[in-house]
Amino acid sequence: SLALRALVEPAAAALQRALEDAGADEGHPLECPVCGAPAAAARVGVTKKNDGRAKTLWCAQCGCVWDIERVRCARCGTQNQGHLHFFNVEGDDDHRIATCDECGGYVRTVYQEEGPMAQLYPFSYEVEDVVMAKLDLIAYRQLVAQGAQQD
């Protein structure tokens, strides 16, 4: 996918800028506003648009990054806080799985704190995608455990 992305990413970046300039990126879609793919990962941290702890989604297919409400399932869109949960590997609070009881989906999420240490390490979704691969196993085990409880 990275080989194809090298061809798609410049056009996707241009389209994303055009959407932002036109104000058409304010709807906070669940799917990628450029190619329509589901989000591969999420990030919570300071963005160029928001000086608070905003949440953004990332598309692994075209490299697009877009905003979403902080308390919202990235799969079905529910904002019911009682149905949204977070899990992580012990000792790693920066990488979490955000799960949803309503749709059974999840998204891997990186929490990036601002400060002097964060400035030393540039943020890369591609690197975080590899680092967070272990979280898929946690999500799988959690979904299997929930399925076993329902049976």
C-alpha atoms as a PDB file:
ATOM      1  CA  SER A   1       0.000   0.000   0.000  1.00  0.00           C
ATOM      2  CA  LEU A   2       2.903   2.390   0.608  1.00  0.00           C
ATOM      3  CA  ALA A   3       4.057   1.949  -2.994  1.00  0.00           C
ATOM      4  CA  LEU A   4       0.623   2.985  -4.261  1.00  0.00           C
ATOM      5  CA  ARG A   5       0.353   5.730  -1.708  1.00  0.00           C
ATOM      6  CA  ALA A   6       3.385   7.479  -3.173  1.00  0.00           C
ATOM      7  CA  LEU A   7       1.290   7.982  -6.296  1.00  0.00           C
ATOM      8  CA  VAL A   8      -1.941   8.918  -4.504  1.00  0.00           C
ATOM      9  CA  GLU A   9      -0.638  11.083  -1.665  1.00  0.00           C
ATOM     10  CA  PRO A  10       0.149  14.293  -3.635  1.00  0.00           C
ATOM     11  CA  ALA A  11      -3.352  14.372  -5.146  1.00  0.00           C
ATOM     12  CA  ALA A  12      -4.894  13.515  -1.774  1.00  0.00           C
ATOM     13  CA  ALA A  13      -2.956  16.315  -0.064  1.00  0.00           C
ATOM     14  CA  ALA A  14      -4.083  18.812  -2.704  1.00  0.00           C
ATOM     15  CA  LEU A  15      -7.695  17.697  -2.346  1.00  0.00           C
ATOM     16  CA  GLN A  16      -7.482  17.870   1.447  1.00  0.00           C
ATOM     17  CA  ARG A  17      -6.153  21.456   1.259  1.00  0.00           C
ATOM     18  CA  ALA A  18      -8.956  22.374  -1.151  1.00  0.00           C
ATOM     19  CA  LEU A  19     -11.568  20.899   1.229  1.00  0.00           C
ATOM     20  CA  GLU A  20     -10.099  22.867   4.151  1.00  0.00           C
ATOM     21  CA  ASP A  21      -9.939  26.101   2.134  1.00  0.00           C
ATOM     22  CA  ALA A  22     -13.580  25.679   1.089  1.00  0.00           C
ATOM     23  CA  GLY A  23     -14.676  24.892   4.660  1.00  0.00           C
ATOM     24  CA  ALA A  24     -15.990  21.517   3.544  1.00  0.00           C
ATOM     25  CA  ASP A  25     -13.952  19.643   6.160  1.00  0.00           C
ATOM     26  CA  GLU A  26     -16.157  20.761   9.066  1.00  0.00           C
ATOM     27  CA  GLY A  27     -18.596  17.850   8.942  1.00  0.00           C
ATOM     28  CA  HIS A  28     -16.187  15.498  10.766  1.00  0.00           C
ATOM     29  CA  PRO A  29     -16.808  12.404   8.629  1.00  0.00           C
ATOM     30  CA  LEU A  30     -15.999   8.895   9.840  1.00  0.00           C
ATOM     31  CA  GLU A  31     -14.528   7.811   6.506  1.00  0.00           C
ATOM     32  CA  CYS A  32     -11.630   9.511   4.759  1.00  0.00           C
ATOM     33  CA  PRO A  33     -12.945  12.668   3.078  1.00  0.00           C
ATOM     34  CA  VAL A  34     -10.544  12.120   0.164  1.00  0.00           C
ATOM     35  CA  CYS A  35     -10.763   8.404  -0.717  1.00  0.00           C
ATOM     36  CA  GLY A  36     -13.582   7.068   1.499  1.00  0.00           C
ATOM     37  CA  ALA A  37     -11.481   4.449   3.321  1.00  0.00           C
ATOM     38  CA  PRO A  38     -12.008   3.807   7.043  1.00  0.00           C
ATOM     39  CA  ALA A  39      -9.559   5.410   9.457  1.00  0.00           C
ATOM     40  CA  ALA A  40      -6.503   3.282  10.207  1.00  0.00           C
ATOM     41  CA  ALA A  41      -5.542   5.145  13.386  1.00  0.00           C
ATOM     42  CA  ALA A  42      -6.409   8.120  15.554  1.00  0.00           C
ATOM     43  CA  ARG A  43      -4.329  10.693  17.384  1.00  0.00           C
ATOM     44  CA  VAL A  44      -5.218  12.823  20.389  1.00  0.00           C
ATOM     45  CA  GLY A  45      -3.084  15.905  20.826  1.00  0.00           C
ATOM     46  CA  VAL A  46      -2.666  19.505  19.797  1.00  0.00           C
ATOM     47  CA  THR A  47      -3.368  20.189  16.115  1.00  0.00           C
ATOM     48  CA  LYS A  48      -2.729  23.228  13.957  1.00  0.00           C
ATOM     49  CA  LYS A  49      -6.456  24.078  14.072  1.00  0.00           C
ATOM     50  CA  ASN A  50      -7.002  23.491  17.764  1.00  0.00           C
ATOM     51  CA  ASP A  51      -4.757  24.362  20.686  1.00  0.00           C
ATOM     52  CA  GLY A  52      -6.648  21.910  22.907  1.00  0.00           C
ATOM     53  CA  ARG A  53      -6.434  18.125  22.915  1.00  0.00           C
ATOM     54  CA  ALA A  54      -8.213  17.455  19.652  1.00  0.00           C
ATOM     55  CA  LYS A  55      -8.718  14.073  17.983  1.00  0.00           C
ATOM     56  CA  THR A  56      -7.742  13.398  14.389  1.00  0.00           C
ATOM     57  CA  LEU A  57      -8.138  10.334  12.192  1.00  0.00           C
ATOM     58  CA  TRP A  58      -5.609   9.063   9.638  1.00  0.00           C
ATOM     59  CA  CYS A  59      -6.155   7.186   6.379  1.00  0.00           C
ATOM     60  CA  ALA A  60      -3.419   4.664   5.582  1.00  0.00           C
ATOM     61  CA  GLN A  61      -4.457   4.535   1.925  1.00  0.00           C
ATOM     62  CA  CYS A  62      -3.980   8.163   0.927  1.00  0.00           C
ATOM     63  CA  GLY A  63      -2.387   9.758   4.004  1.00  0.00           C
ATOM     64  CA  CYS A  64      -5.249  12.168   4.691  1.00  0.00           C
ATOM     65  CA  VAL A  65      -5.678  13.448   8.258  1.00  0.00           C
ATOM     66  CA  TRP A  66      -9.004  14.912   9.413  1.00  0.00           C
ATOM     67  CA  ASP A  67     -10.644  16.088  12.622  1.00  0.00           C
ATOM     68  CA  ILE A  68     -13.312  14.226  14.566  1.00  0.00           C
ATOM     69  CA  GLU A  69     -15.020  14.943  17.862  1.00  0.00           C
ATOM     70  CA  ARG A  70     -12.951  13.751  20.815  1.00  0.00           C
ATOM     71  CA  VAL A  71     -15.732  11.642  22.336  1.00  0.00           C
ATOM     72  CA  ARG A  72     -17.039   9.768  19.303  1.00  0.00           C
ATOM     73  CA  CYS A  73     -16.647   6.263  17.910  1.00  0.00           C
ATOM     74  CA  ALA A  74     -14.523   6.400  14.760  1.00  0.00           C
ATOM     75  CA  ARG A  75     -16.455   3.452  13.316  1.00  0.00           C
ATOM     76  CA  CYS A  76     -20.179   4.109  13.914  1.00  0.00           C
ATOM     77  CA  GLY A  77     -20.195   7.701  15.177  1.00  0.00           C
ATOM     78  CA  THR A  78     -21.897   7.145  18.538  1.00  0.00           C
ATOM     79  CA  GLN A  79     -21.159   9.705  21.226  1.00  0.00           C
ATOM     80  CA  ASN A  80     -22.584   7.608  24.069  1.00  0.00           C
ATOM     81  CA  GLN A  81     -19.728   7.753  26.589  1.00  0.00           C
ATOM     82  CA  GLY A  82     -21.010   4.663  28.392  1.00  0.00           C
ATOM     83  CA  HIS A  83     -20.379   2.562  25.275  1.00  0.00           C
ATOM     84  CA  LEU A  84     -16.854   3.843  24.574  1.00  0.00           C
ATOM     85  CA  HIS A  85     -13.883   2.199  26.320  1.00  0.00           C
ATOM     86  CA  PHE A  86     -10.090   2.338  26.180  1.00  0.00           C
ATOM     87  CA  PHE A  87      -7.522  -0.431  26.650  1.00  0.00           C
ATOM     88  CA  ASN A  88      -3.739  -0.358  26.499  1.00  0.00           C
ATOM     89  CA  VAL A  89      -0.639  -2.435  27.109  1.00  0.00           C
ATOM     90  CA  GLU A  90       0.531  -2.094  30.691  1.00  0.00           C
ATOM     91  CA  GLY A  91       3.232   0.556  30.902  1.00  0.00           C
ATOM     92  CA  ASP A  92       2.288   2.228  27.606  1.00  0.00           C
ATOM     93  CA  ASP A  93      -0.348   4.880  28.228  1.00  0.00           C
ATOM     94  CA  ASP A  94       0.437   6.653  24.945  1.00  0.00           C
ATOM     95  CA  HIS A  95      -1.026   3.901  22.732  1.00  0.00           C
ATOM     96  CA  ARG A  96      -4.597   2.731  23.346  1.00  0.00           C
ATOM     97  CA  ILE A  97      -7.454   0.864  21.734  1.00  0.00           C
ATOM     98  CA  ALA A  98     -10.733   2.800  21.612  1.00  0.00           C
ATOM     99  CA  THR A  99     -13.578   0.261  21.478  1.00  0.00           C
ATOM    100  CA  CYS A 100     -17.304   0.733  20.994  1.00  0.00           C
ATOM    101  CA  ASP A 101     -20.029  -1.482  22.477  1.00  0.00           C
ATOM    102  CA  GLU A 102     -22.599  -0.326  19.915  1.00  0.00           C
ATOM    103  CA  CYS A 103     -20.776  -1.401  16.742  1.00  0.00           C
ATOM    104  CA  GLY A 104     -18.118  -3.741  18.163  1.00  0.00           C
ATOM    105  CA  GLY A 105     -15.449  -1.786  16.304  1.00  0.00           C
ATOM    106  CA  TYR A 106     -12.225  -0.266  17.483  1.00  0.00           C
ATOM    107  CA  VAL A 107      -9.541   2.167  16.411  1.00  0.00           C
ATOM    108  CA  ARG A 108      -5.927   2.289  17.566  1.00  0.00           C
ATOM    109  CA  THR A 109      -5.212   5.670  19.141  1.00  0.00           C
ATOM    110  CA  VAL A 110      -1.969   7.426  20.005  1.00  0.00           C
ATOM    111  CA  TYR A 111      -1.969  10.093  22.718  1.00  0.00           C
ATOM    112  CA  GLN A 112       0.731  12.641  22.015  1.00  0.00           C
ATOM    113  CA  GLU A 113       1.549  14.988  24.832  1.00  0.00           C
ATOM    114  CA  GLU A 114       2.939  18.410  24.059  1.00  0.00           C
ATOM    115  CA  GLY A 115       6.118  19.553  25.698  1.00  0.00           C
ATOM    116  CA  PRO A 116       9.874  19.569  25.305  1.00  0.00           C
ATOM    117  CA  MET A 117      10.179  15.786  24.821  1.00  0.00           C
ATOM    118  CA  ALA A 118       7.441  15.673  22.161  1.00  0.00           C
ATOM    119  CA  GLN A 119       9.326  18.255  20.122  1.00  0.00           C
ATOM    120  CA  LEU A 120      12.395  15.990  20.004  1.00  0.00           C
ATOM    121  CA  TYR A 121      10.496  13.252  18.195  1.00  0.00           C
ATOM    122  CA  PRO A 122       8.593  14.215  15.049  1.00  0.00           C
ATOM    123  CA  PHE A 123       5.205  12.545  14.795  1.00  0.00           C
ATOM    124  CA  SER A 124       4.699  10.000  12.014  1.00  0.00           C
ATOM    125  CA  TYR A 125       1.463   8.067  11.492  1.00  0.00           C
ATOM    126  CA  GLU A 126       3.374   5.440   9.519  1.00  0.00           C
ATOM    127  CA  VAL A 127       5.734   4.771  12.433  1.00  0.00           C
ATOM    128  CA  GLU A 128       2.876   4.796  14.947  1.00  0.00           C
ATOM    129  CA  ASP A 129       0.951   2.352  12.739  1.00  0.00           C
ATOM    130  CA  VAL A 130       3.786  -0.176  13.166  1.00  0.00           C
ATOM    131  CA  VAL A 131       4.210   0.557  16.885  1.00  0.00           C
ATOM    132  CA  MET A 132       0.482   0.087  17.515  1.00  0.00           C
ATOM    133  CA  ALA A 133       0.222  -3.239  15.644  1.00  0.00           C
ATOM    134  CA  LYS A 134       0.395  -5.049  18.998  1.00  0.00           C
ATOM    135  CA  LEU A 135      -2.853  -3.323  19.964  1.00  0.00           C
ATOM    136  CA  ASP A 136      -4.756  -5.331  17.357  1.00  0.00           C
ATOM    137  CA  LEU A 137      -4.163  -8.429  19.494  1.00  0.00           C
ATOM    138  CA  ILE A 138      -5.564  -6.650  22.557  1.00  0.00           C
ATOM    139  CA  ALA A 139      -8.643  -5.583  20.598  1.00  0.00           C
ATOM    140  CA  TYR A 140      -9.109  -9.089  19.209  1.00  0.00           C
ATOM    141  CA  ARG A 141      -8.899 -10.651  22.691  1.00  0.00           C
ATOM    142  CA  GLN A 142     -11.337  -8.056  24.061  1.00  0.00           C
ATOM    143  CA  LEU A 143     -13.847  -8.718  21.267  1.00  0.00           C
ATOM    144  CA  VAL A 144     -13.541 -12.503  21.731  1.00  0.00           C
ATOM    145  CA  ALA A 145     -14.086 -12.096  25.495  1.00  0.00           C
ATOM    146  CA  GLN A 146     -17.191  -9.971  24.858  1.00  0.00           C
ATOM    147  CA  GLY A 147     -18.492 -12.564  22.383  1.00  0.00           C
ATOM    148  CA  ALA A 148     -17.971 -15.349  24.920  1.00  0.00           C
ATOM    149  CA  GLN A 149     -19.912 -13.389  27.545  1.00  0.00           C
ATOM    150  CA  GLN A 150     -22.837 -12.966  25.168  1.00  0.00           C
ATOM    151  CA  ASP A 151     -23.008 -16.712  24.426  1.00  0.00           C
END
